[in-house]
Amino acid sequence: MHRTRQQLVVLLVLGAVPSVALAFHNGAVYDRAPGAGGGGGLFFTGSTRERGWDCTACHVEPRGTLRVDVTSQPAELITAQRYTPNTSYMITVAMAEPGKQLGLSATRSNFNSMVVTVLDDAGNSAGTISGFDPGKFYARGGAILASDSTTVNETTWSFTWTAPASGAAMINIAVVDGNGANATTQTLTDPLDDDVFTLGLRVTDGAATRALQWSVGELLSLCRWIASQTLHRRSGSDAAT
């Protein structure tokens, strides 16, 4: 029910516009008003700030076969979901099988796209995103980035995220493998028959992780102490009888 209502709202908004971009392969479109064919400030990464809405709000019935590799240097950010405060991480998002992407026959309009948001639990920017080509990306605020696709068959995107001083952060990434509307003789895009990949990764600072581990250690010690006291009392009770 929620899914159907969400798609209906999107279709009504798009249907009310006589001339709209049929796909958000231009990053700035996300910030345009819905009446102008934009996203109204929503980037559709699946973040809680956006009520969990992702690219499937428009790219309906994705095939579900798109595989994407997300890596970072240093690797701890992705592999351990942990960051060192104020450290910069180079993040690469890449289609795992670029030779199998959709739209290869649409040589003029095979635009793929990537969007990322990094937010704290309050929905505010967490850390800052930099290190990207401003000619290929659209940035909003400190930690929202969308590819500004001007190159067909683009399958890899890179940027740098500098972690905050402390606290948890949610990294939401969405990738659309567009099929170029299967157009072979003209430049045309639409939201149909594409594929979508989404990732939600919660990361915490190293200090918070160490504090949690210490708390677990303390809890185990407490459990052992309680167990030893229980055994001691039982021994004393047996001796009394």
C-alpha atoms as a PDB file:
ATOM      1  CA  MET A   1       0.000   0.000   0.000  1.00  0.00           C
ATOM      2  CA  HIS A   2       2.738   2.452   0.975  1.00  0.00           C
ATOM      3  CA  ARG A   3       4.732   1.546  -2.120  1.00  0.00           C
ATOM      4  CA  THR A   4       1.740   2.067  -4.421  1.00  0.00           C
ATOM      5  CA  ARG A   5       0.883   5.411  -2.830  1.00  0.00           C
ATOM      6  CA  GLN A   6       4.482   6.575  -3.150  1.00  0.00           C
ATOM      7  CA  GLN A   7       4.595   5.774  -6.868  1.00  0.00           C
ATOM      8  CA  LEU A   8       1.195   7.381  -7.409  1.00  0.00           C
ATOM      9  CA  VAL A   9       2.413  10.634  -5.853  1.00  0.00           C
ATOM     10  CA  VAL A  10       5.469  10.656  -8.104  1.00  0.00           C
ATOM     11  CA  LEU A  11       3.405   9.938 -11.207  1.00  0.00           C
ATOM     12  CA  LEU A  12       0.910  12.662 -10.348  1.00  0.00           C
ATOM     13  CA  VAL A  13       3.712  15.189  -9.899  1.00  0.00           C
ATOM     14  CA  LEU A  14       5.329  14.248 -13.200  1.00  0.00           C
ATOM     15  CA  GLY A  15       2.013  14.067 -14.964  1.00  0.00           C
ATOM     16  CA  ALA A  16       1.184  17.632 -13.931  1.00  0.00           C
ATOM     17  CA  VAL A  17       4.233  18.940 -15.777  1.00  0.00           C
ATOM     18  CA  PRO A  18       3.827  19.354 -19.543  1.00  0.00           C
ATOM     19  CA  SER A  19       7.537  19.204 -20.255  1.00  0.00           C
ATOM     20  CA  VAL A  20       9.799  17.313 -17.858  1.00  0.00           C
ATOM     21  CA  ALA A  21      13.155  15.583 -17.896  1.00  0.00           C
ATOM     22  CA  LEU A  22      12.317  11.910 -18.027  1.00  0.00           C
ATOM     23  CA  ALA A  23      15.361  10.944 -15.969  1.00  0.00           C
ATOM     24  CA  PHE A  24      17.484  12.747 -13.401  1.00  0.00           C
ATOM     25  CA  HIS A  25      20.816  12.185 -15.113  1.00  0.00           C
ATOM     26  CA  ASN A  26      21.548  15.883 -14.531  1.00  0.00           C
ATOM     27  CA  GLY A  27      22.403  16.232 -10.841  1.00  0.00           C
ATOM     28  CA  ALA A  28      20.959  19.745 -10.443  1.00  0.00           C
ATOM     29  CA  VAL A  29      17.486  18.441 -11.302  1.00  0.00           C
ATOM     30  CA  TYR A  30      17.162  16.922  -7.824  1.00  0.00           C
ATOM     31  CA  ASP A  31      17.036  20.391  -6.309  1.00  0.00           C
ATOM     32  CA  ARG A  32      14.477  21.819  -8.729  1.00  0.00           C
ATOM     33  CA  ALA A  33      10.852  22.197  -7.678  1.00  0.00           C
ATOM     34  CA  PRO A  34       8.550  19.292  -8.619  1.00  0.00           C
ATOM     35  CA  GLY A  35       6.541  21.696 -10.785  1.00  0.00           C
ATOM     36  CA  ALA A  36       9.694  22.266 -12.839  1.00  0.00           C
ATOM     37  CA  GLY A  37      10.292  18.555 -13.258  1.00  0.00           C
ATOM     38  CA  GLY A  38      12.672  18.255 -10.322  1.00  0.00           C
ATOM     39  CA  GLY A  39      12.964  16.243  -7.136  1.00  0.00           C
ATOM     40  CA  GLY A  40      12.022  19.046  -4.766  1.00  0.00           C
ATOM     41  CA  GLY A  41      15.278  18.698  -2.843  1.00  0.00           C
ATOM     42  CA  LEU A  42      15.019  14.913  -2.513  1.00  0.00           C
ATOM     43  CA  PHE A  43      17.921  12.868  -3.866  1.00  0.00           C
ATOM     44  CA  PHE A  44      16.226   9.456  -3.473  1.00  0.00           C
ATOM     45  CA  THR A  45      19.109   7.596  -1.838  1.00  0.00           C
ATOM     46  CA  GLY A  46      16.887   5.806   0.677  1.00  0.00           C
ATOM     47  CA  SER A  47      17.994   7.949   3.623  1.00  0.00           C
ATOM     48  CA  THR A  48      15.711   8.453   6.615  1.00  0.00           C
ATOM     49  CA  ARG A  49      15.653  12.185   5.843  1.00  0.00           C
ATOM     50  CA  GLU A  50      13.866  11.233   2.633  1.00  0.00           C
ATOM     51  CA  ARG A  51      11.516   8.750   4.343  1.00  0.00           C
ATOM     52  CA  GLY A  52      13.442   5.874   2.828  1.00  0.00           C
ATOM     53  CA  TRP A  53      12.499   6.799  -0.740  1.00  0.00           C
ATOM     54  CA  ASP A  54      15.080   5.688  -3.272  1.00  0.00           C
ATOM     55  CA  CYS A  55      15.464   5.644  -7.052  1.00  0.00           C
ATOM     56  CA  THR A  56      12.758   3.009  -7.428  1.00  0.00           C
ATOM     57  CA  ALA A  57      10.215   5.770  -6.747  1.00  0.00           C
ATOM     58  CA  CYS A  58      10.555   6.619 -10.445  1.00  0.00           C
ATOM     59  CA  HIS A  59      12.573   3.749 -11.885  1.00  0.00           C
ATOM     60  CA  VAL A  60       9.762   1.310 -11.258  1.00  0.00           C
ATOM     61  CA  GLU A  61      10.136  -2.468 -11.336  1.00  0.00           C
ATOM     62  CA  PRO A  62      13.941  -2.578 -11.596  1.00  0.00           C
ATOM     63  CA  ARG A  63      15.423  -5.867 -12.715  1.00  0.00           C
ATOM     64  CA  GLY A  64      17.312  -6.371  -9.448  1.00  0.00           C
ATOM     65  CA  THR A  65      20.451  -7.823 -11.025  1.00  0.00           C
ATOM     66  CA  LEU A  66      22.731  -4.779 -10.841  1.00  0.00           C
ATOM     67  CA  ARG A  67      25.905  -5.467  -8.839  1.00  0.00           C
ATOM     68  CA  VAL A  68      28.001  -2.567  -7.575  1.00  0.00           C
ATOM     69  CA  ASP A  69      31.332  -2.580  -5.738  1.00  0.00           C
ATOM     70  CA  VAL A  70      31.845   0.105  -3.090  1.00  0.00           C
ATOM     71  CA  THR A  71      35.390   0.441  -1.737  1.00  0.00           C
ATOM     72  CA  SER A  72      37.324   2.953   0.326  1.00  0.00           C
ATOM     73  CA  GLN A  73      40.892   3.910   1.079  1.00  0.00           C
ATOM     74  CA  PRO A  74      41.606   3.410   3.952  1.00  0.00           C
ATOM     75  CA  ALA A  75      39.502   0.276   3.737  1.00  0.00           C
ATOM     76  CA  GLU A  76      38.166   0.331   7.321  1.00  0.00           C
ATOM     77  CA  LEU A  77      35.283   2.631   6.412  1.00  0.00           C
ATOM     78  CA  ILE A  78      33.575   0.005   4.249  1.00  0.00           C
ATOM     79  CA  THR A  79      35.006  -3.259   5.558  1.00  0.00           C
ATOM     80  CA  ALA A  80      34.699  -2.483   9.283  1.00  0.00           C
ATOM     81  CA  GLN A  81      32.041   0.268   9.125  1.00  0.00           C
ATOM     82  CA  ARG A  82      34.368   2.373  11.240  1.00  0.00           C
ATOM     83  CA  TYR A  83      36.106   5.699  10.679  1.00  0.00           C
ATOM     84  CA  THR A  84      38.927   7.574  12.318  1.00  0.00           C
ATOM     85  CA  PRO A  85      37.771  11.093  13.254  1.00  0.00           C
ATOM     86  CA  ASN A  86      38.731  13.861  10.796  1.00  0.00           C
ATOM     87  CA  THR A  87      40.254  11.330   8.388  1.00  0.00           C
ATOM     88  CA  SER A  88      39.709  11.542   4.624  1.00  0.00           C
ATOM     89  CA  TYR A  89      38.515   8.448   2.779  1.00  0.00           C
ATOM     90  CA  MET A  90      38.552   8.042  -0.991  1.00  0.00           C
ATOM     91  CA  ILE A  91      35.382   6.182  -1.934  1.00  0.00           C
ATOM     92  CA  THR A  92      34.897   4.455  -5.275  1.00  0.00           C
ATOM     93  CA  VAL A  93      31.535   3.245  -6.534  1.00  0.00           C
ATOM     94  CA  ALA A  94      31.774   0.981  -9.584  1.00  0.00           C
ATOM     95  CA  MET A  95      29.470  -1.307 -11.509  1.00  0.00           C
ATOM     96  CA  ALA A  96      30.860  -4.786 -11.013  1.00  0.00           C
ATOM     97  CA  GLU A  97      30.131  -5.900 -14.578  1.00  0.00           C
ATOM     98  CA  PRO A  98      30.228  -2.830 -16.837  1.00  0.00           C
ATOM     99  CA  GLY A  99      30.161  -4.993 -19.937  1.00  0.00           C
ATOM    100  CA  LYS A 100      26.705  -6.229 -18.936  1.00  0.00           C
ATOM    101  CA  GLN A 101      25.153  -2.826 -18.262  1.00  0.00           C
ATOM    102  CA  LEU A 102      21.855  -1.942 -19.845  1.00  0.00           C
ATOM    103  CA  GLY A 103      21.606   0.455 -22.761  1.00  0.00           C
ATOM    104  CA  LEU A 104      24.842  -0.388 -24.528  1.00  0.00           C
ATOM    105  CA  SER A 105      22.989  -0.184 -27.822  1.00  0.00           C
ATOM    106  CA  ALA A 106      21.751   3.324 -26.957  1.00  0.00           C
ATOM    107  CA  THR A 107      25.055   4.910 -27.871  1.00  0.00           C
ATOM    108  CA  ARG A 108      23.755   8.494 -27.534  1.00  0.00           C
ATOM    109  CA  SER A 109      21.719   8.247 -24.349  1.00  0.00           C
ATOM    110  CA  ASN A 110      23.043   5.477 -22.106  1.00  0.00           C
ATOM    111  CA  PHE A 111      23.352   7.694 -19.033  1.00  0.00           C
ATOM    112  CA  ASN A 112      23.961   5.959 -15.709  1.00  0.00           C
ATOM    113  CA  SER A 113      23.927   7.841 -12.421  1.00  0.00           C
ATOM    114  CA  MET A 114      25.113   7.744  -8.821  1.00  0.00           C
ATOM    115  CA  VAL A 115      23.878   9.669  -5.780  1.00  0.00           C
ATOM    116  CA  VAL A 116      25.282   9.654  -2.233  1.00  0.00           C
ATOM    117  CA  THR A 117      24.230  11.251   1.039  1.00  0.00           C
ATOM    118  CA  VAL A 118      26.114  11.075   4.344  1.00  0.00           C
ATOM    119  CA  LEU A 119      23.920  12.168   7.241  1.00  0.00           C
ATOM    120  CA  ASP A 120      23.889  11.925  11.017  1.00  0.00           C
ATOM    121  CA  ASP A 121      21.005  10.587  13.080  1.00  0.00           C
ATOM    122  CA  ALA A 122      19.325  14.010  13.023  1.00  0.00           C
ATOM    123  CA  GLY A 123      19.376  14.119   9.216  1.00  0.00           C
ATOM    124  CA  ASN A 124      22.137  16.724   9.023  1.00  0.00           C
ATOM    125  CA  SER A 125      25.321  16.476   6.965  1.00  0.00           C
ATOM    126  CA  ALA A 126      27.951  14.268   8.597  1.00  0.00           C
ATOM    127  CA  GLY A 127      31.469  15.171   7.546  1.00  0.00           C
ATOM    128  CA  THR A 128      32.161  16.681   4.142  1.00  0.00           C
ATOM    129  CA  ILE A 129      32.415  15.387   0.577  1.00  0.00           C
ATOM    130  CA  SER A 130      35.155  16.704  -1.710  1.00  0.00           C
ATOM    131  CA  GLY A 131      37.699  15.447  -4.219  1.00  0.00           C
ATOM    132  CA  PHE A 132      35.283  15.179  -7.149  1.00  0.00           C
ATOM    133  CA  ASP A 133      35.268  16.717 -10.599  1.00  0.00           C
ATOM    134  CA  PRO A 134      32.813  19.667 -10.414  1.00  0.00           C
ATOM    135  CA  GLY A 135      32.166  19.237 -14.118  1.00  0.00           C
ATOM    136  CA  LYS A 136      30.782  15.756 -13.517  1.00  0.00           C
ATOM    137  CA  PHE A 137      28.994  16.115 -10.172  1.00  0.00           C
ATOM    138  CA  TYR A 138      26.410  18.314  -8.506  1.00  0.00           C
ATOM    139  CA  ALA A 139      26.978  18.978  -4.798  1.00  0.00           C
ATOM    140  CA  ARG A 140      24.418  20.246  -2.322  1.00  0.00           C
ATOM    141  CA  GLY A 141      25.661  21.212   1.118  1.00  0.00           C
ATOM    142  CA  GLY A 142      28.581  19.388   2.631  1.00  0.00           C
ATOM    143  CA  ALA A 143      27.588  15.773   2.252  1.00  0.00           C
ATOM    144  CA  ILE A 144      25.162  15.292  -0.658  1.00  0.00           C
ATOM    145  CA  LEU A 145      26.532  14.499  -4.100  1.00  0.00           C
ATOM    146  CA  ALA A 146      24.916  13.495  -7.410  1.00  0.00           C
ATOM    147  CA  SER A 147      26.608  12.588 -10.659  1.00  0.00           C
ATOM    148  CA  ASP A 148      25.949  15.168 -13.357  1.00  0.00           C
ATOM    149  CA  SER A 149      26.101  12.645 -16.163  1.00  0.00           C
ATOM    150  CA  THR A 150      27.315  14.134 -19.411  1.00  0.00           C
ATOM    151  CA  THR A 151      29.182  11.012 -20.547  1.00  0.00           C
ATOM    152  CA  VAL A 152      27.497   7.870 -21.818  1.00  0.00           C
ATOM    153  CA  ASN A 153      28.436   4.438 -20.449  1.00  0.00           C
ATOM    154  CA  GLU A 154      29.808   5.910 -17.210  1.00  0.00           C
ATOM    155  CA  THR A 155      30.197   3.084 -14.688  1.00  0.00           C
ATOM    156  CA  THR A 156      32.639   4.368 -12.031  1.00  0.00           C
ATOM    157  CA  TRP A 157      32.407   7.329  -9.675  1.00  0.00           C
ATOM    158  CA  SER A 158      34.928   8.508  -7.059  1.00  0.00           C
ATOM    159  CA  PHE A 159      34.929  11.135  -4.332  1.00  0.00           C
ATOM    160  CA  THR A 160      36.485  11.835  -0.941  1.00  0.00           C
ATOM    161  CA  TRP A 161      34.612  11.875   2.356  1.00  0.00           C
ATOM    162  CA  THR A 162      36.211  13.534   5.354  1.00  0.00           C
ATOM    163  CA  ALA A 163      34.822  12.104   8.560  1.00  0.00           C
ATOM    164  CA  PRO A 164      33.454  14.258  11.378  1.00  0.00           C
ATOM    165  CA  ALA A 165      35.074  14.521  14.796  1.00  0.00           C
ATOM    166  CA  SER A 166      32.670  12.026  16.369  1.00  0.00           C
ATOM    167  CA  GLY A 167      29.293  10.367  16.139  1.00  0.00           C
ATOM    168  CA  ALA A 168      27.549   7.917  13.856  1.00  0.00           C
ATOM    169  CA  ALA A 169      26.911   8.558  10.159  1.00  0.00           C
ATOM    170  CA  MET A 170      24.700   6.869   7.599  1.00  0.00           C
ATOM    171  CA  ILE A 171      26.120   6.523   4.099  1.00  0.00           C
ATOM    172  CA  ASN A 172      23.367   6.003   1.532  1.00  0.00           C
ATOM    173  CA  ILE A 173      24.370   5.302  -2.065  1.00  0.00           C
ATOM    174  CA  ALA A 174      22.093   4.759  -5.051  1.00  0.00           C
ATOM    175  CA  VAL A 175      23.127   3.809  -8.582  1.00  0.00           C
ATOM    176  CA  VAL A 176      20.876   3.662 -11.640  1.00  0.00           C
ATOM    177  CA  ASP A 177      21.840   1.571 -14.651  1.00  0.00           C
ATOM    178  CA  GLY A 178      19.861   3.350 -17.369  1.00  0.00           C
ATOM    179  CA  ASN A 179      18.934   1.664 -20.618  1.00  0.00           C
ATOM    180  CA  GLY A 180      18.797   4.894 -22.651  1.00  0.00           C
ATOM    181  CA  ALA A 181      15.139   4.221 -23.445  1.00  0.00           C
ATOM    182  CA  ASN A 182      16.532   1.668 -25.917  1.00  0.00           C
ATOM    183  CA  ALA A 183      16.929   4.571 -28.347  1.00  0.00           C
ATOM    184  CA  THR A 184      19.531   3.898 -31.039  1.00  0.00           C
ATOM    185  CA  THR A 185      19.157   6.969 -33.245  1.00  0.00           C
ATOM    186  CA  GLN A 186      18.348   9.801 -30.821  1.00  0.00           C
ATOM    187  CA  THR A 187      19.166  11.074 -27.318  1.00  0.00           C
ATOM    188  CA  LEU A 188      16.301   9.970 -25.096  1.00  0.00           C
ATOM    189  CA  THR A 189      15.914   8.742 -21.523  1.00  0.00           C
ATOM    190  CA  ASP A 190      13.025   7.414 -19.464  1.00  0.00           C
ATOM    191  CA  PRO A 191      12.578   5.712 -16.071  1.00  0.00           C
ATOM    192  CA  LEU A 192      11.391   2.384 -17.485  1.00  0.00           C
ATOM    193  CA  ASP A 193      13.242  -0.954 -17.700  1.00  0.00           C
ATOM    194  CA  ASP A 194      16.286   0.378 -15.819  1.00  0.00           C
ATOM    195  CA  ASP A 195      18.035  -1.250 -12.881  1.00  0.00           C
ATOM    196  CA  VAL A 196      18.751   0.162  -9.425  1.00  0.00           C
ATOM    197  CA  PHE A 197      21.297  -0.534  -6.689  1.00  0.00           C
ATOM    198  CA  THR A 198      21.039   0.916  -3.178  1.00  0.00           C
ATOM    199  CA  LEU A 199      23.302   0.679  -0.153  1.00  0.00           C
ATOM    200  CA  GLY A 200      22.805   1.907   3.396  1.00  0.00           C
ATOM    201  CA  LEU A 201      25.939   1.721   5.541  1.00  0.00           C
ATOM    202  CA  ARG A 202      26.043   2.952   9.138  1.00  0.00           C
ATOM    203  CA  VAL A 203      29.550   3.879  10.303  1.00  0.00           C
ATOM    204  CA  THR A 204      30.816   4.949  13.716  1.00  0.00           C
ATOM    205  CA  ASP A 205      33.994   6.580  14.931  1.00  0.00           C
ATOM    206  CA  GLY A 206      36.770   4.427  16.349  1.00  0.00           C
ATOM    207  CA  ALA A 207      36.392   5.917  19.830  1.00  0.00           C
ATOM    208  CA  ALA A 208      32.727   4.904  19.966  1.00  0.00           C
ATOM    209  CA  THR A 209      33.609   1.398  18.813  1.00  0.00           C
ATOM    210  CA  ARG A 210      36.304   1.060  21.465  1.00  0.00           C
ATOM    211  CA  ALA A 211      33.922   2.340  24.130  1.00  0.00           C
ATOM    212  CA  LEU A 212      31.338  -0.246  23.113  1.00  0.00           C
ATOM    213  CA  GLN A 213      33.930  -3.021  23.239  1.00  0.00           C
ATOM    214  CA  TRP A 214      35.039  -1.874  26.696  1.00  0.00           C
ATOM    215  CA  SER A 215      31.447  -1.862  27.892  1.00  0.00           C
ATOM    216  CA  VAL A 216      30.981  -5.423  26.643  1.00  0.00           C
ATOM    217  CA  GLY A 217      34.152  -6.431  28.455  1.00  0.00           C
ATOM    218  CA  GLU A 218      32.896  -4.851  31.645  1.00  0.00           C
ATOM    219  CA  LEU A 219      29.571  -6.634  31.251  1.00  0.00           C
ATOM    220  CA  LEU A 220      31.296  -9.994  30.882  1.00  0.00           C
ATOM    221  CA  SER A 221      33.376  -9.314  33.973  1.00  0.00           C
ATOM    222  CA  LEU A 222      30.228  -8.427  35.891  1.00  0.00           C
ATOM    223  CA  CYS A 223      28.537 -11.638  34.753  1.00  0.00           C
ATOM    224  CA  ARG A 224      31.529 -13.692  35.907  1.00  0.00           C
ATOM    225  CA  TRP A 225      31.513 -11.933  39.277  1.00  0.00           C
ATOM    226  CA  ILE A 226      27.783 -12.569  39.738  1.00  0.00           C
ATOM    227  CA  ALA A 227      28.251 -16.226  38.803  1.00  0.00           C
ATOM    228  CA  SER A 228      31.117 -16.620  41.294  1.00  0.00           C
ATOM    229  CA  GLN A 229      29.059 -15.033  44.077  1.00  0.00           C
ATOM    230  CA  THR A 230      26.138 -17.329  43.320  1.00  0.00           C
ATOM    231  CA  LEU A 231      28.370 -20.397  43.487  1.00  0.00           C
ATOM    232  CA  HIS A 232      29.923 -19.145  46.731  1.00  0.00           C
ATOM    233  CA  ARG A 233      26.512 -18.711  48.368  1.00  0.00           C
ATOM    234  CA  ARG A 234      25.406 -22.129  47.186  1.00  0.00           C
ATOM    235  CA  SER A 235      28.552 -23.688  48.656  1.00  0.00           C
ATOM    236  CA  GLY A 236      27.926 -21.953  51.957  1.00  0.00           C
ATOM    237  CA  SER A 237      24.310 -23.107  52.018  1.00  0.00           C
ATOM    238  CA  ASP A 238      25.309 -26.720  51.319  1.00  0.00           C
ATOM    239  CA  ALA A 239      27.869 -26.609  54.097  1.00  0.00           C
ATOM    240  CA  ALA A 240      25.272 -25.325  56.570  1.00  0.00           C
ATOM    241  CA  THR A 241      22.924 -28.201  55.857  1.00  0.00           C
END
